[in-house]
Amino acid sequence: MEYNKKQEIVYAAITVFITVHAFVFYCLSLENGGFSIDIVKMSYSLNTWVFPISLIPLEFVIAMIVELLI
């Protein structure tokens, strides 16, 4: 089945959205000893030790670029 470019972008956005959230929540849970609502708050808070931007939007943009180019 052939896909057009719009379908590829929508599919990439859906899969990247799910996997980025899962990966960020998983990694933060490992670092902090378990999952809690604080993990969700930390993933959207400003990350001042590297860049003053939250983790999920930054990783979403990077993952979308990689997904569409590779």
Protein backbone atom coordinates (compact mmCIF):
# COMPACT_ATOMS: atom_id res chain seq x y z
CA MET A 1 0.00 0.00 0.00
CA GLU A 2 1.40 3.36 -0.99
CA TYR A 3 1.34 6.37 1.28
CA ASN A 4 1.44 10.01 0.36
CA LYS A 5 3.60 12.57 2.19
CA LYS A 6 0.74 13.82 4.38
CA GLN A 7 0.02 10.32 5.65
CA GLU A 8 3.72 9.76 6.39
CA ILE A 9 3.90 12.99 8.42
CA VAL A 10 0.74 12.18 10.41
CA TYR A 11 1.94 8.65 11.15
CA ALA A 12 5.37 9.93 12.17
CA ALA A 13 3.83 12.56 14.46
CA ILE A 14 1.62 10.00 16.20
CA THR A 15 4.39 7.47 16.75
CA VAL A 16 6.94 10.09 17.82
CA PHE A 17 4.44 11.66 20.25
CA ILE A 18 3.84 8.32 21.96
CA THR A 19 7.45 7.13 22.03
CA VAL A 20 8.95 10.44 23.22
CA HIS A 21 6.55 10.60 26.17
CA ALA A 22 7.15 6.96 27.06
CA PHE A 23 10.94 7.32 26.83
CA VAL A 24 11.11 10.55 28.88
CA PHE A 25 8.79 9.20 31.58
CA TYR A 26 10.73 5.92 31.71
CA CYS A 27 14.15 7.57 32.01
CA LEU A 28 13.02 10.05 34.65
CA SER A 29 11.34 7.25 36.59
CA LEU A 30 14.58 5.26 36.61
CA GLU A 31 16.55 8.27 37.85
CA ASN A 32 14.07 9.08 40.63
CA GLY A 33 13.19 5.60 41.87
CA GLY A 34 9.68 5.23 40.47
CA PHE A 35 6.88 6.86 38.56
CA SER A 36 4.71 9.56 40.12
CA ILE A 37 2.91 12.72 39.06
CA ASP A 38 6.12 14.61 39.84
CA ILE A 39 7.77 12.81 36.92
CA VAL A 40 5.17 14.27 34.54
CA LYS A 41 5.72 17.75 36.01
CA MET A 42 9.50 17.39 35.70
CA SER A 43 9.28 16.36 32.06
CA TYR A 44 7.45 19.59 31.16
CA SER A 45 9.43 21.90 33.45
CA LEU A 46 12.30 24.02 32.24
CA ASN A 47 15.53 22.12 32.09
CA THR A 48 18.07 24.80 33.00
CA TRP A 49 21.15 22.57 33.25
CA VAL A 50 21.44 22.16 29.46
CA PHE A 51 18.96 24.37 27.63
CA PRO A 52 16.16 26.54 29.04
CA ILE A 53 13.49 24.41 27.34
CA SER A 54 11.40 21.50 28.54
CA LEU A 55 12.41 17.97 27.60
CA ILE A 56 9.39 16.72 25.68
CA PRO A 57 8.96 19.49 23.08
CA LEU A 58 12.70 19.53 22.40
CA GLU A 59 12.90 15.78 21.96
CA PHE A 60 9.69 15.74 19.90
CA VAL A 61 11.16 18.16 17.37
CA ILE A 62 14.44 16.27 17.15
CA ALA A 63 12.68 12.90 16.82
CA MET A 64 10.34 14.21 14.09
CA ILE A 65 13.30 15.50 12.09
CA VAL A 66 15.13 12.19 12.41
CA GLU A 67 11.97 10.18 11.62
CA LEU A 68 11.23 12.10 8.44
CA LEU A 69 14.81 12.24 7.18
CA ILE A 70 15.95 8.66 7.84
